[in-house]
C-alpha cells in the first residue's frame, strides 16, 4: 500500500467514525440505500449512455428479454425467446427476416394502463425519429416494417440479415399514451420531460423523489405484475461524487452497498484488505466481477495532428500500460489490445500489441514531422507545440492517477498533457456525445456479450448536429474497410464466418487506433453481508437487474 493511499484511508476512517457518531449507521429493514459516484444525467435511457442511468433505471423498467447474473437470456415481458427452431424467427428470400414477439398478458404501466404491442411500435418510431437524438438505433434502423398482429403480438420485418435479430429493440418500451403528446411537442420537450412526474415505469419499482445532486428515491410499484414483486419497499440511490467520501459512507453504514458505479478498484482492494485484517467494514463483502467494461481514451480524429495514425501509434507506444495496471490494480485488471474483451466470442488474440517503447514513439513522431524544440516539447514544421488536452470525470481517483502516469510518460518524449477534468454530467452530456473536445476524452463503456463494431465504429454512427448527435463513433473514425467489415458482421448468420470478420476488423482497428486501449476493468461492488440476492453481472446488465429479489436476512 502506498503512503498516499494509507493517508487517504486514514482520513476515510476518521470521516467514517464521524458519520457513525452522527447516527447515520441506523438501518431500516424496509429500505436499501445504494451509493454511487455518478448521478444519472436523465432517467430517459433513450438519451443516456451513462452506467449510472442504467443502474438507476434497472429496477424501474422491464424489457422483452433480460440477462441474468450468468449472462443467460430469459424472457421478461415476452412469453418466450424467438428462435428459428420455434418458428418465431424466420429467414426469408432476399436476405430478409421476420421476428415475431408475443407479450405476456396483463403487464401494466405505473398508472395501471395495460402494456400492448402499440407501445412497442411507438417506441420504435421514437427511436427512428431523426429529431430526437437517440444515441443508438443500430437494430431499429434495420427494421423496415413494424406489424401489429393483435394486442399482444407484433412482427418485426428486417430488411437485411442480422445475427441478433431476436434480442428486441434498442431500448426498453415507453408508454404511447404518455409520450405521444410529448414527442409531438418536439425534441426539447422529449429531452426535458420530467421523469419524476411522467409515467415511464413498468418495472418492480417507481420513482418517488429525485433531488438533483443528492439522491433518488424509488418505491415498490403496486401495479407491477411481471417477474416478481419487490421484497423491500424502498430503494434509495445516494449520489456522492468523491469516491473517498463514498467509501467513508459505506464504512459508517450510511449506505448498504456500492454499485460498480461507485467503488474504484484501488479502494475495493484496500477495503477488502481491511475486512480480511478485521480492521473495519467487517459487515460488508467486496465483489470483484470479471467485466466487459473497457477503459480507453478517444481521439478526436478531426484534429489535424491526430489524423495522422503515426502520431496516434506513437502516443500508445509511449505509455507503459502494463506497468500502469500492475501498479494500480494488483493484477485484478489487464491491458487491452482491442475494443473487444477476451471473453467476447469474436475476440482476436493476434491483434497488434503496442509494447512500451519510447524509442519507437520518437521514431514515429519524427516520421510524422515532429521534433523536440529548445524547450524539450515536440513541435512540427509550423512551429506548433504538441500540447494535448484530456478530459475525464472529475473526482475519479483511478482516472486521475492514470492521467498523471500518462502525463509523466509523455513528457519523457516531449509531449505535454493538459488535464481538464469535468463533472460526469458535463462529460457524458456535452463533451463526449457532441464531440466537443479538441484532442482526447477518457472514459469507459460496458459492452454486452454480443457487441459488434457497427454501432461503435461505422462512419454512419458519427454523432453530428445534423443527426442530433446520435451514434457512438465519437472519435469520428471514417474508414471504408471498417464500414465494409462492420456491416458484413451484422448480416453474417454463420458464426465461424462472423468470427473471421470480427478478427479482420480488430486487426484493422489496432493498426489505425481511433482510440487508445487502456485496460478492461473488473466491476467492484461492496454489499452488506445481510443483503441477499445481489448478483453483479460484469456486463451491460446493471447490478439492479433483479433488485426486486433483494432482501434483508432476518
Foldseek 3Di string as FASTA:
>chain_A
DDPVVVVLVVVLQVLLVVLLVVPLQDDDQQEAEEEFQADDLDLPVQAFQDLNNLQVCLQFADAQWDADQARDIDGWFFPGFDDVVVVQWDQDPPQKIKHKTFGDPQQAFLVRHTDWLVQLVVQLVCSVPLFQQRADFPLSVQFPDWADPDRGMIMTIGNHAFQPNRPGTPDGTFGCVQCVVQVVVGNVSVVPPDLLPTTGGRGQWGWPDDDPPFKTKIAGRPSHDIDDHFPRGIYMYTHRNALSNLVSCQQNNNGFKYWLSRHDQQRLVVLQVCCVVVNTDVLKDKDWAAAQKFWWKFWQCVFPVNVDLLLVLLLQLLAQLQVLCCVRHVPSWDFDLFNGDPLQPLDAPPADDRHHDNPSSLVSCVVVAWDQDPVLAIAHPVRDGQEEEEEEAPNPVSVVVVVVSSQVSVSVNRHHYHYDYDHPSCVRVPCQLAVVGNTIYIDMHFARSPDACCQADALVQDAYVSSSSHTNPRSNDYDPVLNVLRVVLRRDNDVVVSSVSSNVNRNVCSSRPSMRGRIRGTRMMMGRPQWPDQRCRNGSSTSCNPNSPIRGHD
